[in-house]
Amino acid sequence: MKQADERDRPAVAGSREECIAAPQGVIVRRPIPLEAAFLAGKCFLKYRGRGGQKRSPLPDFFIGAHAAVEKMALVTRDASRYRTYFPRLKLISPA
């Protein structure tokens, strides 16, 4: 059995109890590819062009771009924002 390194540990923010509750290997932290960072920037420019007020890219743009480039499905409660900027991204939404 392989030894888990820092990249294999769950990327869960919050209390120690929340981190312990996430089973090893279920949540894997992956570095963002340059292509995804570029896509996030393009989506942010589109957001600003539509009148968005934030002055720096929103985390949602990095998350959506990373999922889109890696061809991953994304679990979210804010499906409308992701559909606006990443229309081909597969979304899993409870609503």
PDB file of N, CA and C in Angstrom:
ATOM      1  N   MET A   1       0.841  -1.183   0.000  1.00  0.00           N
ATOM      2  CA  MET A   1       0.000   0.000   0.000  1.00  0.00           C
ATOM      3  C   MET A   1       0.882   1.241   0.000  1.00  0.00           C
ATOM      4  N   LYS A   2       0.580   2.204  -0.869  1.00  0.00           N
ATOM      5  CA  LYS A   2       1.441   3.387  -0.966  1.00  0.00           C
ATOM      6  C   LYS A   2       1.243   4.328   0.211  1.00  0.00           C
ATOM      7  N   GLN A   3       2.310   5.020   0.539  1.00  0.00           N
ATOM      8  CA  GLN A   3       2.280   6.011   1.608  1.00  0.00           C
ATOM      9  C   GLN A   3       1.647   7.290   1.060  1.00  0.00           C
ATOM     10  N   ALA A   4       0.663   7.858   1.751  1.00  0.00           N
ATOM     11  CA  ALA A   4       0.017   9.090   1.309  1.00  0.00           C
ATOM     12  C   ALA A   4       0.961  10.259   1.511  1.00  0.00           C
ATOM     13  N   ASP A   5       1.065  11.092   0.491  1.00  0.00           N
ATOM     14  CA  ASP A   5       1.843  12.310   0.666  1.00  0.00           C
ATOM     15  C   ASP A   5       0.874  13.483   0.802  1.00  0.00           C
ATOM     16  N   GLU A   6       1.400  14.705   0.874  1.00  0.00           N
ATOM     17  CA  GLU A   6       0.595  15.889   1.121  1.00  0.00           C
ATOM     18  C   GLU A   6      -0.495  16.079   0.067  1.00  0.00           C
ATOM     19  N   ARG A   7      -0.234  15.698  -1.203  1.00  0.00           N
ATOM     20  CA  ARG A   7      -1.233  15.860  -2.265  1.00  0.00           C
ATOM     21  C   ARG A   7      -2.401  14.906  -2.105  1.00  0.00           C
ATOM     22  N   ASP A   8      -2.239  13.809  -1.367  1.00  0.00           N
ATOM     23  CA  ASP A   8      -3.300  12.827  -1.224  1.00  0.00           C
ATOM     24  C   ASP A   8      -4.204  13.097  -0.021  1.00  0.00           C
ATOM     25  N   ARG A   9      -3.866  14.081   0.769  1.00  0.00           N
ATOM     26  CA  ARG A   9      -4.666  14.363   1.963  1.00  0.00           C
ATOM     27  C   ARG A   9      -5.905  15.171   1.584  1.00  0.00           C
ATOM     28  N   PRO A  10      -7.012  14.996   2.314  1.00  0.00           N
ATOM     29  CA  PRO A  10      -8.225  15.750   2.013  1.00  0.00           C
ATOM     30  C   PRO A  10      -7.991  17.246   2.119  1.00  0.00           C
ATOM     31  N   ALA A  11      -8.523  17.992   1.163  1.00  0.00           N
ATOM     32  CA  ALA A  11      -8.431  19.444   1.181  1.00  0.00           C
ATOM     33  C   ALA A  11      -9.741  19.980   1.737  1.00  0.00           C
ATOM     34  N   VAL A  12      -9.884  19.938   3.029  1.00  0.00           N
ATOM     35  CA  VAL A  12     -11.112  20.345   3.691  1.00  0.00           C
ATOM     36  C   VAL A  12     -10.796  21.484   4.637  1.00  0.00           C
ATOM     37  N   ALA A  13     -11.500  22.588   4.478  1.00  0.00           N
ATOM     38  CA  ALA A  13     -11.311  23.716   5.390  1.00  0.00           C
ATOM     39  C   ALA A  13     -12.240  23.541   6.579  1.00  0.00           C
ATOM     40  N   GLY A  14     -11.841  24.081   7.695  1.00  0.00           N
ATOM     41  CA  GLY A  14     -12.720  24.055   8.858  1.00  0.00           C
ATOM     42  C   GLY A  14     -12.047  23.429  10.053  1.00  0.00           C
ATOM     43  N   SER A  15     -12.868  22.898  10.918  1.00  0.00           N
ATOM     44  CA  SER A  15     -12.369  22.357  12.173  1.00  0.00           C
ATOM     45  C   SER A  15     -11.640  21.037  11.973  1.00  0.00           C
ATOM     46  N   ARG A  16     -10.898  20.658  12.977  1.00  0.00           N
ATOM     47  CA  ARG A  16     -10.179  19.383  12.949  1.00  0.00           C
ATOM     48  C   ARG A  16     -11.149  18.228  12.783  1.00  0.00           C
ATOM     49  N   GLU A  17     -12.321  18.319  13.397  1.00  0.00           N
ATOM     50  CA  GLU A  17     -13.314  17.248  13.291  1.00  0.00           C
ATOM     51  C   GLU A  17     -13.782  17.072  11.849  1.00  0.00           C
ATOM     52  N   GLU A  18     -13.949  18.189  11.129  1.00  0.00           N
ATOM     53  CA  GLU A  18     -14.358  18.095   9.724  1.00  0.00           C
ATOM     54  C   GLU A  18     -13.286  17.407   8.890  1.00  0.00           C
ATOM     55  N   CYS A  19     -12.033  17.707   9.165  1.00  0.00           N
ATOM     56  CA  CYS A  19     -10.934  17.076   8.423  1.00  0.00           C
ATOM     57  C   CYS A  19     -10.868  15.585   8.708  1.00  0.00           C
ATOM     58  N   ILE A  20     -11.095  15.208   9.934  1.00  0.00           N
ATOM     59  CA  ILE A  20     -11.062  13.793  10.304  1.00  0.00           C
ATOM     60  C   ILE A  20     -12.227  13.057   9.652  1.00  0.00           C
ATOM     61  N   ALA A  21     -13.378  13.732   9.498  1.00  0.00           N
ATOM     62  CA  ALA A  21     -14.570  13.098   8.944  1.00  0.00           C
ATOM     63  C   ALA A  21     -14.426  12.786   7.457  1.00  0.00           C
ATOM     64  N   ALA A  22     -13.555  13.467   6.749  1.00  0.00           N
ATOM     65  CA  ALA A  22     -13.359  13.209   5.322  1.00  0.00           C
ATOM     66  C   ALA A  22     -12.435  12.011   5.155  1.00  0.00           C
ATOM     67  N   PRO A  23     -12.946  10.903   4.606  1.00  0.00           N
ATOM     68  CA  PRO A  23     -12.110   9.715   4.428  1.00  0.00           C
ATOM     69  C   PRO A  23     -10.919   9.992   3.518  1.00  0.00           C
ATOM     70  N   GLN A  24      -9.798   9.407   3.834  1.00  0.00           N
ATOM     71  CA  GLN A  24      -8.587   9.554   3.015  1.00  0.00           C
ATOM     72  C   GLN A  24      -8.886   9.114   1.585  1.00  0.00           C
ATOM     73  N   GLY A  25      -8.418   9.894   0.629  1.00  0.00           N
ATOM     74  CA  GLY A  25      -8.564   9.532  -0.771  1.00  0.00           C
ATOM     75  C   GLY A  25      -9.860   9.962  -1.416  1.00  0.00           C
ATOM     76  N   VAL A  26     -10.846  10.401  -0.620  1.00  0.00           N
ATOM     77  CA  VAL A  26     -12.116  10.835  -1.192  1.00  0.00           C
ATOM     78  C   VAL A  26     -11.963  12.231  -1.796  1.00  0.00           C
ATOM     79  N   ILE A  27     -11.276  13.089  -1.096  1.00  0.00           N
ATOM     80  CA  ILE A  27     -11.005  14.441  -1.586  1.00  0.00           C
ATOM     81  C   ILE A  27      -9.509  14.526  -1.859  1.00  0.00           C
ATOM     82  N   VAL A  28      -9.170  14.803  -3.095  1.00  0.00           N
ATOM     83  CA  VAL A  28      -7.770  14.881  -3.486  1.00  0.00           C
ATOM     84  C   VAL A  28      -7.484  16.300  -3.980  1.00  0.00           C
ATOM     85  N   ARG A  29      -6.479  16.912  -3.434  1.00  0.00           N
ATOM     86  CA  ARG A  29      -6.084  18.255  -3.843  1.00  0.00           C
ATOM     87  C   ARG A  29      -5.138  18.151  -5.032  1.00  0.00           C
ATOM     88  N   ARG A  30      -5.481  18.847  -6.109  1.00  0.00           N
ATOM     89  CA  ARG A  30      -4.669  18.798  -7.318  1.00  0.00           C
ATOM     90  C   ARG A  30      -4.240  20.207  -7.688  1.00  0.00           C
ATOM     91  N   PRO A  31      -3.024  20.376  -8.170  1.00  0.00           N
ATOM     92  CA  PRO A  31      -2.592  21.710  -8.601  1.00  0.00           C
ATOM     93  C   PRO A  31      -3.389  22.161  -9.819  1.00  0.00           C
ATOM     94  N   ILE A  32      -3.641  23.459  -9.903  1.00  0.00           N
ATOM     95  CA  ILE A  32      -4.415  23.983 -11.032  1.00  0.00           C
ATOM     96  C   ILE A  32      -3.514  24.064 -12.271  1.00  0.00           C
ATOM     97  N   PRO A  33      -3.949  23.488 -13.372  1.00  0.00           N
ATOM     98  CA  PRO A  33      -3.162  23.569 -14.603  1.00  0.00           C
ATOM     99  C   PRO A  33      -3.133  25.011 -15.131  1.00  0.00           C
ATOM    100  N   LEU A  34      -2.079  25.378 -15.838  1.00  0.00           N
ATOM    101  CA  LEU A  34      -1.981  26.721 -16.408  1.00  0.00           C
ATOM    102  C   LEU A  34      -3.157  27.022 -17.335  1.00  0.00           C
ATOM    103  N   GLU A  35      -3.589  26.026 -18.085  1.00  0.00           N
ATOM    104  CA  GLU A  35      -4.731  26.214 -18.987  1.00  0.00           C
ATOM    105  C   GLU A  35      -5.984  26.612 -18.197  1.00  0.00           C
ATOM    106  N   ALA A  36      -6.166  26.040 -17.021  1.00  0.00           N
ATOM    107  CA  ALA A  36      -7.324  26.373 -16.186  1.00  0.00           C
ATOM    108  C   ALA A  36      -7.198  27.778 -15.598  1.00  0.00           C
ATOM    109  N   ALA A  37      -6.001  28.161 -15.190  1.00  0.00           N
ATOM    110  CA  ALA A  37      -5.791  29.508 -14.666  1.00  0.00           C
ATOM    111  C   ALA A  37      -6.085  30.544 -15.750  1.00  0.00           C
ATOM    112  N   PHE A  38      -5.660  30.261 -16.981  1.00  0.00           N
ATOM    113  CA  PHE A  38      -5.927  31.164 -18.099  1.00  0.00           C
ATOM    114  C   PHE A  38      -7.427  31.264 -18.355  1.00  0.00           C
ATOM    115  N   LEU A  39      -8.126  30.122 -18.346  1.00  0.00           N
ATOM    116  CA  LEU A  39      -9.574  30.109 -18.554  1.00  0.00           C
ATOM    117  C   LEU A  39     -10.286  30.881 -17.445  1.00  0.00           C
ATOM    118  N   ALA A  40      -9.836  30.735 -16.216  1.00  0.00           N
ATOM    119  CA  ALA A  40     -10.435  31.476 -15.093  1.00  0.00           C
ATOM    120  C   ALA A  40     -10.299  32.979 -15.330  1.00  0.00           C
ATOM    121  N   GLY A  41      -9.150  33.411 -15.807  1.00  0.00           N
ATOM    122  CA  GLY A  41      -8.943  34.826 -16.104  1.00  0.00           C
ATOM    123  C   GLY A  41      -9.863  35.324 -17.213  1.00  0.00           C
ATOM    124  N   LYS A  42     -10.051  34.514 -18.259  1.00  0.00           N
ATOM    125  CA  LYS A  42     -10.950  34.885 -19.352  1.00  0.00           C
ATOM    126  C   LYS A  42     -12.386  35.004 -18.841  1.00  0.00           C
ATOM    127  N   CYS A  43     -12.800  34.076 -17.985  1.00  0.00           N
ATOM    128  CA  CYS A  43     -14.161  34.125 -17.428  1.00  0.00           C
ATOM    129  C   CYS A  43     -14.338  35.345 -16.532  1.00  0.00           C
ATOM    130  N   PHE A  44     -13.284  35.699 -15.796  1.00  0.00           N
ATOM    131  CA  PHE A  44     -13.351  36.882 -14.947  1.00  0.00           C
ATOM    132  C   PHE A  44     -13.514  38.142 -15.798  1.00  0.00           C
ATOM    133  N   LEU A  45     -12.806  38.226 -16.913  1.00  0.00           N
ATOM    134  CA  LEU A  45     -12.960  39.377 -17.797  1.00  0.00           C
ATOM    135  C   LEU A  45     -14.387  39.459 -18.345  1.00  0.00           C
ATOM    136  N   LYS A  46     -14.968  38.321 -18.654  1.00  0.00           N
ATOM    137  CA  LYS A  46     -16.356  38.276 -19.118  1.00  0.00           C
ATOM    138  C   LYS A  46     -17.291  38.780 -18.005  1.00  0.00           C
ATOM    139  N   TYR A  47     -17.048  38.335 -16.770  1.00  0.00           N
ATOM    140  CA  TYR A  47     -17.817  38.767 -15.604  1.00  0.00           C
ATOM    141  C   TYR A  47     -17.738  40.291 -15.448  1.00  0.00           C
ATOM    142  N   ARG A  48     -16.526  40.846 -15.544  1.00  0.00           N
ATOM    143  CA  ARG A  48     -16.344  42.296 -15.415  1.00  0.00           C
ATOM    144  C   ARG A  48     -17.045  43.026 -16.566  1.00  0.00           C
ATOM    145  N   GLY A  49     -16.969  42.464 -17.752  1.00  0.00           N
ATOM    146  CA  GLY A  49     -17.629  43.061 -18.910  1.00  0.00           C
ATOM    147  C   GLY A  49     -19.142  43.113 -18.771  1.00  0.00           C
ATOM    148  N   ARG A  50     -19.683  42.210 -17.983  1.00  0.00           N
ATOM    149  CA  ARG A  50     -21.132  42.175 -17.728  1.00  0.00           C
ATOM    150  C   ARG A  50     -21.518  43.027 -16.518  1.00  0.00           C
ATOM    151  N   GLY A  51     -20.569  43.786 -15.998  1.00  0.00           N
ATOM    152  CA  GLY A  51     -20.873  44.679 -14.878  1.00  0.00           C
ATOM    153  C   GLY A  51     -20.516  44.137 -13.513  1.00  0.00           C
ATOM    154  N   GLY A  52     -19.794  43.014 -13.448  1.00  0.00           N
ATOM    155  CA  GLY A  52     -19.377  42.460 -12.156  1.00  0.00           C
ATOM    156  C   GLY A  52     -18.502  43.447 -11.392  1.00  0.00           C
ATOM    157  N   GLN A  53     -18.705  43.547 -10.094  1.00  0.00           N
ATOM    158  CA  GLN A  53     -18.029  44.568  -9.292  1.00  0.00           C
ATOM    159  C   GLN A  53     -16.733  44.100  -8.631  1.00  0.00           C
ATOM    160  N   LYS A  54     -16.528  42.812  -8.507  1.00  0.00           N
ATOM    161  CA  LYS A  54     -15.315  42.321  -7.836  1.00  0.00           C
ATOM    162  C   LYS A  54     -14.091  42.710  -8.641  1.00  0.00           C
ATOM    163  N   ARG A  55     -12.997  43.048  -7.934  1.00  0.00           N
ATOM    164  CA  ARG A  55     -11.795  43.524  -8.609  1.00  0.00           C
ATOM    165  C   ARG A  55     -10.736  42.436  -8.787  1.00  0.00           C
ATOM    166  N   SER A  56     -10.954  41.287  -8.197  1.00  0.00           N
ATOM    167  CA  SER A  56     -10.036  40.166  -8.404  1.00  0.00           C
ATOM    168  C   SER A  56     -10.877  38.923  -8.687  1.00  0.00           C
ATOM    169  N   PRO A  57     -10.299  37.956  -9.397  1.00  0.00           N
ATOM    170  CA  PRO A  57     -11.085  36.769  -9.789  1.00  0.00           C
ATOM    171  C   PRO A  57     -11.699  36.053  -8.587  1.00  0.00           C
ATOM    172  N   LEU A  58     -12.935  35.662  -8.744  1.00  0.00           N
ATOM    173  CA  LEU A  58     -13.652  34.930  -7.706  1.00  0.00           C
ATOM    174  C   LEU A  58     -13.165  33.481  -7.671  1.00  0.00           C
ATOM    175  N   PRO A  59     -13.123  32.864  -6.500  1.00  0.00           N
ATOM    176  CA  PRO A  59     -12.709  31.458  -6.411  1.00  0.00           C
ATOM    177  C   PRO A  59     -13.524  30.545  -7.331  1.00  0.00           C
ATOM    178  N   ASP A  60     -14.802  30.875  -7.523  1.00  0.00           N
ATOM    179  CA  ASP A  60     -15.649  30.050  -8.396  1.00  0.00           C
ATOM    180  C   ASP A  60     -15.067  29.931  -9.806  1.00  0.00           C
ATOM    181  N   PHE A  61     -14.401  30.975 -10.276  1.00  0.00           N
ATOM    182  CA  PHE A  61     -13.814  30.914 -11.612  1.00  0.00           C
ATOM    183  C   PHE A  61     -12.660  29.916 -11.665  1.00  0.00           C
ATOM    184  N   PHE A  62     -11.845  29.897 -10.639  1.00  0.00           N
ATOM    185  CA  PHE A  62     -10.734  28.926 -10.590  1.00  0.00           C
ATOM    186  C   PHE A  62     -11.268  27.506 -10.436  1.00  0.00           C
ATOM    187  N   ILE A  63     -12.270  27.343  -9.589  1.00  0.00           N
ATOM    188  CA  ILE A  63     -12.861  26.019  -9.355  1.00  0.00           C
ATOM    189  C   ILE A  63     -13.513  25.495 -10.638  1.00  0.00           C
ATOM    190  N   GLY A  64     -14.336  26.330 -11.266  1.00  0.00           N
ATOM    191  CA  GLY A  64     -15.014  25.926 -12.493  1.00  0.00           C
ATOM    192  C   GLY A  64     -14.050  25.643 -13.630  1.00  0.00           C
ATOM    193  N   ALA A  65     -13.048  26.502 -13.785  1.00  0.00           N
ATOM    194  CA  ALA A  65     -12.074  26.314 -14.855  1.00  0.00           C
ATOM    195  C   ALA A  65     -11.265  25.038 -14.646  1.00  0.00           C
ATOM    196  N   HIS A  66     -10.879  24.785 -13.400  1.00  0.00           N
ATOM    197  CA  HIS A  66     -10.114  23.574 -13.107  1.00  0.00           C
ATOM    198  C   HIS A  66     -10.941  22.337 -13.443  1.00  0.00           C
ATOM    199  N   ALA A  67     -12.194  22.327 -13.027  1.00  0.00           N
ATOM    200  CA  ALA A  67     -13.065  21.180 -13.324  1.00  0.00           C
ATOM    201  C   ALA A  67     -13.273  21.031 -14.828  1.00  0.00           C
ATOM    202  N   ALA A  68     -13.443  22.147 -15.538  1.00  0.00           N
ATOM    203  CA  ALA A  68     -13.676  22.091 -16.979  1.00  0.00           C
ATOM    204  C   ALA A  68     -12.459  21.537 -17.721  1.00  0.00           C
ATOM    205  N   VAL A  69     -11.280  22.038 -17.390  1.00  0.00           N
ATOM    206  CA  VAL A  69     -10.058  21.603 -18.067  1.00  0.00           C
ATOM    207  C   VAL A  69      -9.746  20.135 -17.774  1.00  0.00           C
ATOM    208  N   GLU A  70      -9.985  19.715 -16.533  1.00  0.00           N
ATOM    209  CA  GLU A  70      -9.708  18.323 -16.146  1.00  0.00           C
ATOM    210  C   GLU A  70     -10.866  17.384 -16.494  1.00  0.00           C
ATOM    211  N   LYS A  71     -11.939  17.952 -17.076  1.00  0.00           N
ATOM    212  CA  LYS A  71     -13.128  17.176 -17.458  1.00  0.00           C
ATOM    213  C   LYS A  71     -13.724  16.422 -16.274  1.00  0.00           C
ATOM    214  N   MET A  72     -13.847  17.141 -15.158  1.00  0.00           N
ATOM    215  CA  MET A  72     -14.439  16.589 -13.942  1.00  0.00           C
ATOM    216  C   MET A  72     -15.852  17.140 -13.769  1.00  0.00           C
ATOM    217  N   ALA A  73     -16.711  16.395 -13.116  1.00  0.00           N
ATOM    218  CA  ALA A  73     -18.019  16.912 -12.719  1.00  0.00           C
ATOM    219  C   ALA A  73     -17.820  17.764 -11.468  1.00  0.00           C
ATOM    220  N   LEU A  74     -18.695  18.736 -11.283  1.00  0.00           N
ATOM    221  CA  LEU A  74     -18.575  19.652 -10.155  1.00  0.00           C
ATOM    222  C   LEU A  74     -19.855  19.619  -9.338  1.00  0.00           C
ATOM    223  N   VAL A  75     -19.724  19.417  -8.042  1.00  0.00           N
ATOM    224  CA  VAL A  75     -20.856  19.451  -7.121  1.00  0.00           C
ATOM    225  C   VAL A  75     -20.986  20.888  -6.619  1.00  0.00           C
ATOM    226  N   THR A  76     -22.171  21.480  -6.789  1.00  0.00           N
ATOM    227  CA  THR A  76     -22.375  22.871  -6.386  1.00  0.00           C
ATOM    228  C   THR A  76     -23.830  23.149  -6.044  1.00  0.00           C
ATOM    229  N   ARG A  77     -24.027  24.177  -5.231  1.00  0.00           N
ATOM    230  CA  ARG A  77     -25.375  24.680  -4.972  1.00  0.00           C
ATOM    231  C   ARG A  77     -25.644  25.930  -5.798  1.00  0.00           C
ATOM    232  N   ASP A  78     -24.639  26.431  -6.502  1.00  0.00           N
ATOM    233  CA  ASP A  78     -24.751  27.641  -7.310  1.00  0.00           C
ATOM    234  C   ASP A  78     -24.586  27.289  -8.787  1.00  0.00           C
ATOM    235  N   ALA A  79     -25.470  26.440  -9.283  1.00  0.00           N
ATOM    236  CA  ALA A  79     -25.359  25.950 -10.649  1.00  0.00           C
ATOM    237  C   ALA A  79     -25.500  27.067 -11.682  1.00  0.00           C
ATOM    238  N   SER A  80     -26.302  28.077 -11.394  1.00  0.00           N
ATOM    239  CA  SER A  80     -26.525  29.126 -12.396  1.00  0.00           C
ATOM    240  C   SER A  80     -25.237  29.882 -12.731  1.00  0.00           C
ATOM    241  N   ARG A  81     -24.408  30.192 -11.744  1.00  0.00           N
ATOM    242  CA  ARG A  81     -23.147  30.895 -12.022  1.00  0.00           C
ATOM    243  C   ARG A  81     -22.243  30.026 -12.893  1.00  0.00           C
ATOM    244  N   TYR A  82     -22.124  28.741 -12.532  1.00  0.00           N
ATOM    245  CA  TYR A  82     -21.243  27.868 -13.305  1.00  0.00           C
ATOM    246  C   TYR A  82     -21.769  27.661 -14.719  1.00  0.00           C
ATOM    247  N   ARG A  83     -23.096  27.568 -14.881  1.00  0.00           N
ATOM    248  CA  ARG A  83     -23.655  27.400 -16.240  1.00  0.00           C
ATOM    249  C   ARG A  83     -23.414  28.637 -17.093  1.00  0.00           C
ATOM    250  N   THR A  84     -23.413  29.807 -16.465  1.00  0.00           N
ATOM    251  CA  THR A  84     -23.177  31.051 -17.196  1.00  0.00           C
ATOM    252  C   THR A  84     -21.771  31.091 -17.786  1.00  0.00           C
ATOM    253  N   TYR A  85     -20.776  30.717 -16.995  1.00  0.00           N
ATOM    254  CA  TYR A  85     -19.386  30.861 -17.413  1.00  0.00           C
ATOM    255  C   TYR A  85     -18.753  29.573 -17.938  1.00  0.00           C
ATOM    256  N   PHE A  86     -19.329  28.433 -17.591  1.00  0.00           N
ATOM    257  CA  PHE A  86     -18.788  27.135 -18.042  1.00  0.00           C
ATOM    258  C   PHE A  86     -19.951  26.274 -18.540  1.00  0.00           C
ATOM    259  N   PRO A  87     -20.544  26.616 -19.684  1.00  0.00           N
ATOM    260  CA  PRO A  87     -21.758  25.936 -20.135  1.00  0.00           C
ATOM    261  C   PRO A  87     -21.606  24.443 -20.422  1.00  0.00           C
ATOM    262  N   ARG A  88     -20.412  23.974 -20.712  1.00  0.00           N
ATOM    263  CA  ARG A  88     -20.211  22.547 -21.008  1.00  0.00           C
ATOM    264  C   ARG A  88     -19.787  21.735 -19.798  1.00  0.00           C
ATOM    265  N   LEU A  89     -19.610  22.386 -18.651  1.00  0.00           N
ATOM    266  CA  LEU A  89     -19.198  21.718 -17.435  1.00  0.00           C
ATOM    267  C   LEU A  89     -20.337  20.863 -16.880  1.00  0.00           C
ATOM    268  N   LYS A  90     -20.031  19.611 -16.564  1.00  0.00           N
ATOM    269  CA  LYS A  90     -21.047  18.730 -15.974  1.00  0.00           C
ATOM    270  C   LYS A  90     -21.225  19.133 -14.512  1.00  0.00           C
ATOM    271  N   LEU A  91     -22.470  19.475 -14.134  1.00  0.00           N
ATOM    272  CA  LEU A  91     -22.771  19.907 -12.775  1.00  0.00           C
ATOM    273  C   LEU A  91     -23.647  18.900 -12.059  1.00  0.00           C
ATOM    274  N   ILE A  92     -23.387  18.740 -10.806  1.00  0.00           N
ATOM    275  CA  ILE A  92     -24.231  17.935  -9.920  1.00  0.00           C
ATOM    276  C   ILE A  92     -24.740  18.901  -8.878  1.00  0.00           C
ATOM    277  N   SER A  93     -26.050  19.152  -8.906  1.00  0.00           N
ATOM    278  CA  SER A  93     -26.636  20.161  -8.022  1.00  0.00           C
ATOM    279  C   SER A  93     -27.877  19.599  -7.337  1.00  0.00           C
ATOM    280  N   PRO A  94     -28.016  19.873  -6.023  1.00  0.00           N
ATOM    281  CA  PRO A  94     -29.174  19.339  -5.313  1.00  0.00           C
ATOM    282  C   PRO A  94     -30.476  20.031  -5.699  1.00  0.00           C
ATOM    283  N   ALA A  95     -30.404  21.189  -6.330  1.00  0.00           N
ATOM    284  CA  ALA A  95     -31.638  21.933  -6.672  1.00  0.00           C
ATOM    285  C   ALA A  95     -32.117  21.644  -8.059  1.00  0.00           C
TER     286      ALA A  95
END
